[in-house]
Structures are given as C-alpha cells and as structure tokens.
Amino acid sequence: MRDFCRPRPLHKQTLNRFLDEKDTFSMSDLARFLEYAAAAPEAEAFRQRRELLQSGGTAFAEAAVLVGFVPETAQGSSVVLTVRSSHLRSHGSQIAFPGGRCDEGDADAAATALRETEEELGVAAGMWRIHGHFPNCYVPSGYQVTPVLATAEQPPSYRPNPQEVAAVFTLPQDWALDPQRYVLEDYRYHGRALLMPALQYGEHRIWGATATVLYQLALLHEAWRG
C-alpha cells in the first residue's frame, strides 16, 4: 500500500498518560494533539483536492463541519459521524461530519460548525471546546469545507433532525487515528486521477472528504507521537 500524503513530524511530543494498552489517551492529551494538528500546514491531500476540483471551473461556496471527539468510557473518545438523510440533494445517505453551509450571520467557520451541529443533532454549541481547524477541503458538490476540530467534556445526548440525519454513530478514536485501517482508492475527476482514502467501520463505509480529513488526522497523530 502506498503512503498517502504522509506528513513529516513538525516536532517531537510524548504521550504522558495512557488509559489502556491500546494507546487510548486522555481528553487533555487529545486536546493537545488537535491543537498540534490545527497548526500543521495544508496537507498534500487537501492541496491535491483543491487543485483538482478548482480545475473544473466550479465556484465553491463556504461551509464548515465539526470534527467532534466525545468521551466514551468503554473505548476512550470517539468521533461523531452522521448518516445523511437519503432525501438530501447533496451527499444523501453518505457518512459525514455534522455541518453545512455558512450563513451570513456566522462569525466564523467554528460558528457555522457549531450552529449546524446543533440544528442537525440537537447538541448545544456550549458543549464543545474548539481547538482550531484544518485548511479548507474542497468537495465536488461545490463547497470549500472548513473542518473544525473540537472536543466535548461530557458525552452529548443526540436528538437528530430526521430531515437531515438518518442516523448518528461514533467512530472510536483508536480506529479513526490508525493509518493502517485505511485503504487508498483511485478517484477520477475531469480525466485526472487522485488517490483517496476510505475506511470501513462495521456496516459503514467512510470515504470522500470525510475520510480524507480523518486520514490526515491519523497521519498527523502518528507524526505527533514520533
């Protein structure tokens, strides 16, 4: 398997505390890692997507998603993901982070991600602590999406909006942040080829921009641990 946009370590850090033999680390460790990830330069994967999709002449609207980690006692923390409603015009039935298009009244990408998460999942904006964001990730449906990195101190109660969300599930941290669990697949756009990551978790196949963001986090986590 070929490496996909593997980043060089920005600097050495050591995990000080482990919760179990699977290298699950505390929420404070996770917060430090997410701040490290947010400070990383634009990933090669993001640059390739941007250049490939911009070559088609599409005008891209601004959007944001919440890459939210929540504590789960059985397995450390997990990432919140949704199965989008099949009735949606864009990306229906696909796996996605909660989020959506920026509104004029949103102060920034974090405000968009928090507002959309509350609208989709019924989780109040005050539940989340923001740790920064990745550069924009471009998607073929015409959006430049800002992935906002966040943690929750308590497990949220979800009240999904059925018009937008068919189901909510969580992806364990030790699964999401393990680069070896991803496979690389050929993606073609306007005759140009690009390798894209995909991840299978039970019945859920995670691909596209969602898998690209998760895989970049996994590679940065590997670099952060040194």
C-alpha atoms as a PDB file:
ATOM      1  CA  MET A   1       0.000   0.000   0.000  1.00  0.00           C
ATOM      2  CA  ARG A   2       1.336   3.389  -0.958  1.00  0.00           C
ATOM      3  CA  ASP A   3       1.604   6.155   1.580  1.00  0.00           C
ATOM      4  CA  PHE A   4      -0.984   8.904   1.084  1.00  0.00           C
ATOM      5  CA  CYS A   5       0.309  12.394   1.819  1.00  0.00           C
ATOM      6  CA  ARG A   6       2.268  11.283   4.877  1.00  0.00           C
ATOM      7  CA  PRO A   7       3.333  14.417   6.804  1.00  0.00           C
ATOM      8  CA  ARG A   8       6.734  14.908   8.350  1.00  0.00           C
ATOM      9  CA  PRO A   9       6.708  15.367  12.130  1.00  0.00           C
ATOM     10  CA  LEU A  10       6.517  19.064  12.993  1.00  0.00           C
ATOM     11  CA  HIS A  11       8.151  18.435  16.352  1.00  0.00           C
ATOM     12  CA  LYS A  12       8.534  15.649  18.910  1.00  0.00           C
ATOM     13  CA  GLN A  13       5.986  15.146  21.637  1.00  0.00           C
ATOM     14  CA  THR A  14       5.436  12.246  24.001  1.00  0.00           C
ATOM     15  CA  LEU A  15       2.179  10.936  25.336  1.00  0.00           C
ATOM     16  CA  ASN A  16       2.435  11.130  29.116  1.00  0.00           C
ATOM     17  CA  ARG A  17      -0.613   9.154  30.067  1.00  0.00           C
ATOM     18  CA  PHE A  18      -2.231   6.045  28.652  1.00  0.00           C
ATOM     19  CA  LEU A  19      -5.635   4.771  29.660  1.00  0.00           C
ATOM     20  CA  ASP A  20      -5.163   1.256  28.326  1.00  0.00           C
ATOM     21  CA  GLU A  21      -2.908  -0.973  26.245  1.00  0.00           C
ATOM     22  CA  LYS A  22      -4.441   0.320  23.008  1.00  0.00           C
ATOM     23  CA  ASP A  23      -2.760   3.710  23.484  1.00  0.00           C
ATOM     24  CA  THR A  24      -6.065   5.442  24.136  1.00  0.00           C
ATOM     25  CA  PHE A  25      -5.120   8.745  25.688  1.00  0.00           C
ATOM     26  CA  SER A  26      -6.935  11.240  27.868  1.00  0.00           C
ATOM     27  CA  MET A  27      -9.134  14.058  26.627  1.00  0.00           C
ATOM     28  CA  SER A  28      -6.457  16.568  27.644  1.00  0.00           C
ATOM     29  CA  ASP A  29      -3.904  14.666  25.533  1.00  0.00           C
ATOM     30  CA  LEU A  30      -6.418  14.645  22.706  1.00  0.00           C
ATOM     31  CA  ALA A  31      -6.919  18.408  23.017  1.00  0.00           C
ATOM     32  CA  ARG A  32      -3.166  18.979  22.754  1.00  0.00           C
ATOM     33  CA  PHE A  33      -2.977  16.750  19.708  1.00  0.00           C
ATOM     34  CA  LEU A  34      -5.838  18.572  17.970  1.00  0.00           C
ATOM     35  CA  GLU A  35      -4.142  21.915  18.594  1.00  0.00           C
ATOM     36  CA  TYR A  36      -0.978  20.447  17.063  1.00  0.00           C
ATOM     37  CA  ALA A  37      -2.963  19.190  14.065  1.00  0.00           C
ATOM     38  CA  ALA A  38      -4.647  22.565  13.559  1.00  0.00           C
ATOM     39  CA  ALA A  39      -1.233  24.255  13.400  1.00  0.00           C
ATOM     40  CA  ALA A  40       0.036  21.928  10.651  1.00  0.00           C
ATOM     41  CA  PRO A  41       0.441  23.362   7.131  1.00  0.00           C
ATOM     42  CA  GLU A  42      -2.012  22.439   4.389  1.00  0.00           C
ATOM     43  CA  ALA A  43      -1.812  18.701   3.799  1.00  0.00           C
ATOM     44  CA  GLU A  44      -0.784  17.453   0.391  1.00  0.00           C
ATOM     45  CA  ALA A  45      -4.106  15.611   0.207  1.00  0.00           C
ATOM     46  CA  PHE A  46      -6.016  18.866   0.679  1.00  0.00           C
ATOM     47  CA  ARG A  47      -3.827  20.694  -1.849  1.00  0.00           C
ATOM     48  CA  GLN A  48      -4.368  17.968  -4.454  1.00  0.00           C
ATOM     49  CA  ARG A  49      -8.136  18.038  -3.945  1.00  0.00           C
ATOM     50  CA  ARG A  50      -8.182  21.829  -4.183  1.00  0.00           C
ATOM     51  CA  GLU A  51      -6.133  21.970  -7.395  1.00  0.00           C
ATOM     52  CA  LEU A  52      -8.034  19.097  -8.993  1.00  0.00           C
ATOM     53  CA  LEU A  53     -11.507  20.425  -8.220  1.00  0.00           C
ATOM     54  CA  GLN A  54     -10.685  24.060  -8.983  1.00  0.00           C
ATOM     55  CA  SER A  55      -9.511  22.965 -12.428  1.00  0.00           C
ATOM     56  CA  GLY A  56     -13.152  22.282 -13.330  1.00  0.00           C
ATOM     57  CA  GLY A  57     -14.092  25.959 -13.039  1.00  0.00           C
ATOM     58  CA  THR A  58     -16.648  25.431 -10.259  1.00  0.00           C
ATOM     59  CA  ALA A  59     -17.462  28.302  -7.887  1.00  0.00           C
ATOM     60  CA  PHE A  60     -17.152  26.986  -4.338  1.00  0.00           C
ATOM     61  CA  ALA A  61     -19.432  28.144  -1.513  1.00  0.00           C
ATOM     62  CA  GLU A  62     -18.113  28.241   2.053  1.00  0.00           C
ATOM     63  CA  ALA A  63     -19.129  25.539   4.526  1.00  0.00           C
ATOM     64  CA  ALA A  64     -17.853  24.049   7.774  1.00  0.00           C
ATOM     65  CA  VAL A  65     -18.099  20.737   9.611  1.00  0.00           C
ATOM     66  CA  LEU A  66     -17.468  19.766  13.221  1.00  0.00           C
ATOM     67  CA  VAL A  67     -14.830  17.066  13.720  1.00  0.00           C
ATOM     68  CA  GLY A  68     -16.042  16.425  17.247  1.00  0.00           C
ATOM     69  CA  PHE A  69     -14.461  13.978  19.691  1.00  0.00           C
ATOM     70  CA  VAL A  70     -16.602  12.853  22.631  1.00  0.00           C
ATOM     71  CA  PRO A  71     -15.603  10.780  25.711  1.00  0.00           C
ATOM     72  CA  GLU A  72     -16.872   7.208  25.825  1.00  0.00           C
ATOM     73  CA  THR A  73     -15.879   5.202  28.883  1.00  0.00           C
ATOM     74  CA  ALA A  74     -15.702   1.835  27.143  1.00  0.00           C
ATOM     75  CA  GLN A  75     -13.184   2.904  24.495  1.00  0.00           C
ATOM     76  CA  GLY A  76     -11.789   6.315  25.312  1.00  0.00           C
ATOM     77  CA  SER A  77     -13.026   9.019  22.965  1.00  0.00           C
ATOM     78  CA  SER A  78     -14.821   8.715  19.634  1.00  0.00           C
ATOM     79  CA  VAL A  79     -15.587  10.911  16.622  1.00  0.00           C
ATOM     80  CA  VAL A  80     -19.220  11.849  15.999  1.00  0.00           C
ATOM     81  CA  LEU A  81     -20.433  10.976  12.498  1.00  0.00           C
ATOM     82  CA  THR A  82     -23.813  11.054  10.811  1.00  0.00           C
ATOM     83  CA  VAL A  83     -25.563   9.112   8.092  1.00  0.00           C
ATOM     84  CA  ARG A  84     -27.127  11.831   5.981  1.00  0.00           C
ATOM     85  CA  SER A  85     -30.792  11.582   5.085  1.00  0.00           C
ATOM     86  CA  SER A  86     -31.484   9.933   1.742  1.00  0.00           C
ATOM     87  CA  HIS A  87     -33.785  12.860   0.893  1.00  0.00           C
ATOM     88  CA  LEU A  88     -30.976  15.426   0.788  1.00  0.00           C
ATOM     89  CA  ARG A  89     -29.957  16.723  -2.639  1.00  0.00           C
ATOM     90  CA  SER A  90     -26.215  16.546  -1.917  1.00  0.00           C
ATOM     91  CA  HIS A  91     -24.448  13.523  -0.450  1.00  0.00           C
ATOM     92  CA  GLY A  92     -27.658  11.734   0.546  1.00  0.00           C
ATOM     93  CA  SER A  93     -27.132   8.535   2.622  1.00  0.00           C
ATOM     94  CA  GLN A  94     -23.397   9.228   2.883  1.00  0.00           C
ATOM     95  CA  ILE A  95     -21.313   9.302   6.067  1.00  0.00           C
ATOM     96  CA  ALA A  96     -20.415  12.842   7.090  1.00  0.00           C
ATOM     97  CA  PHE A  97     -19.431  15.094   9.948  1.00  0.00           C
ATOM     98  CA  PRO A  98     -22.247  17.345  11.158  1.00  0.00           C
ATOM     99  CA  GLY A  99     -22.056  20.701   9.408  1.00  0.00           C
ATOM    100  CA  GLY A 100     -23.217  22.730   6.472  1.00  0.00           C
ATOM    101  CA  ARG A 101     -23.135  25.953   4.513  1.00  0.00           C
ATOM    102  CA  CYS A 102     -22.014  29.197   6.146  1.00  0.00           C
ATOM    103  CA  ASP A 103     -24.751  31.730   6.880  1.00  0.00           C
ATOM    104  CA  GLU A 104     -24.247  35.469   6.633  1.00  0.00           C
ATOM    105  CA  GLY A 105     -24.690  35.823  10.395  1.00  0.00           C
ATOM    106  CA  ASP A 106     -21.978  33.286  11.292  1.00  0.00           C
ATOM    107  CA  ALA A 107     -18.925  34.933  12.843  1.00  0.00           C
ATOM    108  CA  ASP A 108     -16.518  32.307  11.509  1.00  0.00           C
ATOM    109  CA  ALA A 109     -16.214  28.670  10.469  1.00  0.00           C
ATOM    110  CA  ALA A 110     -16.445  27.478  14.077  1.00  0.00           C
ATOM    111  CA  ALA A 111     -19.745  29.331  14.489  1.00  0.00           C
ATOM    112  CA  THR A 112     -21.067  27.646  11.348  1.00  0.00           C
ATOM    113  CA  ALA A 113     -19.993  24.186  12.501  1.00  0.00           C
ATOM    114  CA  LEU A 114     -21.494  24.669  15.973  1.00  0.00           C
ATOM    115  CA  ARG A 115     -24.771  26.068  14.626  1.00  0.00           C
ATOM    116  CA  GLU A 116     -25.161  23.284  12.093  1.00  0.00           C
ATOM    117  CA  THR A 117     -24.311  20.614  14.678  1.00  0.00           C
ATOM    118  CA  GLU A 118     -26.990  21.973  16.991  1.00  0.00           C
ATOM    119  CA  GLU A 119     -29.511  22.053  14.135  1.00  0.00           C
ATOM    120  CA  GLU A 120     -28.680  18.531  12.947  1.00  0.00           C
ATOM    121  CA  LEU A 121     -28.024  16.706  16.224  1.00  0.00           C
ATOM    122  CA  GLY A 122     -29.613  18.840  18.928  1.00  0.00           C
ATOM    123  CA  VAL A 123     -26.260  19.254  20.719  1.00  0.00           C
ATOM    124  CA  ALA A 124     -25.832  22.741  22.185  1.00  0.00           C
ATOM    125  CA  ALA A 125     -22.886  24.807  20.973  1.00  0.00           C
ATOM    126  CA  GLY A 126     -21.728  25.261  24.571  1.00  0.00           C
ATOM    127  CA  MET A 127     -20.956  21.539  24.840  1.00  0.00           C
ATOM    128  CA  TRP A 128     -17.912  21.892  22.592  1.00  0.00           C
ATOM    129  CA  ARG A 129     -14.402  23.216  23.045  1.00  0.00           C
ATOM    130  CA  ILE A 130     -12.778  24.358  19.793  1.00  0.00           C
ATOM    131  CA  HIS A 131      -9.096  23.526  19.191  1.00  0.00           C
ATOM    132  CA  GLY A 132      -8.598  25.097  15.763  1.00  0.00           C
ATOM    133  CA  HIS A 133      -9.323  23.963  12.237  1.00  0.00           C
ATOM    134  CA  PHE A 134      -7.785  22.445   9.123  1.00  0.00           C
ATOM    135  CA  PRO A 135      -7.411  24.380   5.861  1.00  0.00           C
ATOM    136  CA  ASN A 136     -10.422  24.112   3.558  1.00  0.00           C
ATOM    137  CA  CYS A 137     -11.194  20.758   1.986  1.00  0.00           C
ATOM    138  CA  TYR A 138     -12.837  21.056  -1.437  1.00  0.00           C
ATOM    139  CA  VAL A 139     -15.696  18.760  -2.487  1.00  0.00           C
ATOM    140  CA  PRO A 140     -17.154  18.133  -5.975  1.00  0.00           C
ATOM    141  CA  SER A 141     -20.624  19.327  -4.918  1.00  0.00           C
ATOM    142  CA  GLY A 142     -19.272  22.890  -4.946  1.00  0.00           C
ATOM    143  CA  TYR A 143     -18.202  23.590  -1.366  1.00  0.00           C
ATOM    144  CA  GLN A 144     -14.945  24.528   0.289  1.00  0.00           C
ATOM    145  CA  VAL A 145     -15.364  22.981   3.715  1.00  0.00           C
ATOM    146  CA  THR A 146     -13.501  24.037   6.864  1.00  0.00           C
ATOM    147  CA  PRO A 147     -13.033  21.072   9.245  1.00  0.00           C
ATOM    148  CA  VAL A 148     -13.315  22.489  12.790  1.00  0.00           C
ATOM    149  CA  LEU A 149     -11.574  20.365  15.450  1.00  0.00           C
ATOM    150  CA  ALA A 150     -13.382  20.077  18.779  1.00  0.00           C
ATOM    151  CA  THR A 151     -13.854  18.027  21.951  1.00  0.00           C
ATOM    152  CA  ALA A 152     -16.735  17.634  24.390  1.00  0.00           C
ATOM    153  CA  GLU A 153     -16.081  17.113  28.095  1.00  0.00           C
ATOM    154  CA  GLN A 154     -19.271  15.067  28.525  1.00  0.00           C
ATOM    155  CA  PRO A 155     -20.987  12.584  26.198  1.00  0.00           C
ATOM    156  CA  PRO A 156     -23.760  14.530  24.429  1.00  0.00           C
ATOM    157  CA  SER A 157     -27.385  13.475  24.144  1.00  0.00           C
ATOM    158  CA  TYR A 158     -28.341  13.390  20.474  1.00  0.00           C
ATOM    159  CA  ARG A 159     -31.700  14.498  19.087  1.00  0.00           C
ATOM    160  CA  PRO A 160     -31.106  14.155  15.340  1.00  0.00           C
ATOM    161  CA  ASN A 161     -33.194  16.144  12.892  1.00  0.00           C
ATOM    162  CA  PRO A 162     -34.769  13.447  10.667  1.00  0.00           C
ATOM    163  CA  GLN A 163     -34.950  15.826   7.714  1.00  0.00           C
ATOM    164  CA  GLU A 164     -31.153  15.977   7.620  1.00  0.00           C
ATOM    165  CA  VAL A 165     -29.847  12.985   9.572  1.00  0.00           C
ATOM    166  CA  ALA A 166     -30.844   9.337   9.176  1.00  0.00           C
ATOM    167  CA  ALA A 167     -28.588   8.087  11.989  1.00  0.00           C
ATOM    168  CA  VAL A 168     -25.800   9.113  14.359  1.00  0.00           C
ATOM    169  CA  PHE A 169     -22.872   6.899  15.317  1.00  0.00           C
ATOM    170  CA  THR A 170     -19.426   7.290  16.827  1.00  0.00           C
ATOM    171  CA  LEU A 171     -16.121   6.064  15.421  1.00  0.00           C
ATOM    172  CA  PRO A 172     -13.658   5.004  18.159  1.00  0.00           C
ATOM    173  CA  GLN A 173     -10.549   7.139  18.395  1.00  0.00           C
ATOM    174  CA  ASP A 174      -8.177   4.180  18.164  1.00  0.00           C
ATOM    175  CA  TRP A 175      -9.882   3.229  14.889  1.00  0.00           C
ATOM    176  CA  ALA A 176     -10.055   6.722  13.423  1.00  0.00           C
ATOM    177  CA  LEU A 177      -6.423   7.581  14.239  1.00  0.00           C
ATOM    178  CA  ASP A 178      -4.840   4.358  12.945  1.00  0.00           C
ATOM    179  CA  PRO A 179      -3.498   4.945   9.397  1.00  0.00           C
ATOM    180  CA  GLN A 180      -3.256   1.198   8.771  1.00  0.00           C
ATOM    181  CA  ARG A 181      -7.044   0.839   8.819  1.00  0.00           C
ATOM    182  CA  TYR A 182      -7.462   2.986   5.695  1.00  0.00           C
ATOM    183  CA  VAL A 183      -7.281   1.839   2.088  1.00  0.00           C
ATOM    184  CA  LEU A 184      -6.384   4.053  -0.869  1.00  0.00           C
ATOM    185  CA  GLU A 185      -8.639   4.118  -3.892  1.00  0.00           C
ATOM    186  CA  ASP A 186      -8.399   5.757  -7.312  1.00  0.00           C
ATOM    187  CA  TYR A 187     -10.654   8.755  -7.832  1.00  0.00           C
ATOM    188  CA  ARG A 188     -11.100  10.411 -11.219  1.00  0.00           C
ATOM    189  CA  TYR A 189     -12.342  13.922 -11.911  1.00  0.00           C
ATOM    190  CA  HIS A 190     -12.334  15.518 -15.363  1.00  0.00           C
ATOM    191  CA  GLY A 191      -9.944  12.841 -16.572  1.00  0.00           C
ATOM    192  CA  ARG A 192      -7.413  13.332 -13.767  1.00  0.00           C
ATOM    193  CA  ALA A 193      -6.630  10.652 -11.191  1.00  0.00           C
ATOM    194  CA  LEU A 194      -6.118  11.032  -7.461  1.00  0.00           C
ATOM    195  CA  LEU A 195      -5.659   8.552  -4.633  1.00  0.00           C
ATOM    196  CA  MET A 196      -8.307   8.922  -1.935  1.00  0.00           C
ATOM    197  CA  PRO A 197      -8.552   7.134   1.434  1.00  0.00           C
ATOM    198  CA  ALA A 198     -11.554   5.095   2.529  1.00  0.00           C
ATOM    199  CA  LEU A 199     -12.369   3.413   5.827  1.00  0.00           C
ATOM    200  CA  GLN A 200     -14.741   0.570   6.666  1.00  0.00           C
ATOM    201  CA  TYR A 201     -16.239   0.512  10.159  1.00  0.00           C
ATOM    202  CA  GLY A 202     -18.813  -2.218  10.605  1.00  0.00           C
ATOM    203  CA  GLU A 203     -21.601  -1.532   8.124  1.00  0.00           C
ATOM    204  CA  HIS A 204     -20.370   1.997   7.492  1.00  0.00           C
ATOM    205  CA  ARG A 205     -18.117   2.865   4.556  1.00  0.00           C
ATOM    206  CA  ILE A 206     -16.466   6.243   5.097  1.00  0.00           C
ATOM    207  CA  TRP A 207     -14.994   7.910   2.018  1.00  0.00           C
ATOM    208  CA  GLY A 208     -14.647  11.230   0.213  1.00  0.00           C
ATOM    209  CA  ALA A 209     -13.850  14.399   2.135  1.00  0.00           C
ATOM    210  CA  THR A 210     -14.824  12.812   5.473  1.00  0.00           C
ATOM    211  CA  ALA A 211     -12.271  10.028   5.067  1.00  0.00           C
ATOM    212  CA  THR A 212      -9.670  12.499   3.781  1.00  0.00           C
ATOM    213  CA  VAL A 213      -9.984  14.594   6.950  1.00  0.00           C
ATOM    214  CA  LEU A 214      -9.901  11.547   9.233  1.00  0.00           C
ATOM    215  CA  TYR A 215      -6.915  10.037   7.437  1.00  0.00           C
ATOM    216  CA  GLN A 216      -4.971  13.267   7.670  1.00  0.00           C
ATOM    217  CA  LEU A 217      -5.676  13.319  11.413  1.00  0.00           C
ATOM    218  CA  ALA A 218      -4.430   9.728  11.623  1.00  0.00           C
ATOM    219  CA  LEU A 219      -1.172  10.585   9.839  1.00  0.00           C
ATOM    220  CA  LEU A 220      -0.631  13.674  11.976  1.00  0.00           C
ATOM    221  CA  HIS A 221      -1.304  11.621  15.096  1.00  0.00           C
ATOM    222  CA  GLU A 222       1.361   9.145  14.008  1.00  0.00           C
ATOM    223  CA  ALA A 223       3.811  12.037  13.488  1.00  0.00           C
ATOM    224  CA  TRP A 224       2.837  13.668  16.805  1.00  0.00           C
ATOM    225  CA  ARG A 225       3.622  10.505  18.716  1.00  0.00           C
ATOM    226  CA  GLY A 226       7.003  10.316  16.996  1.00  0.00           C
END
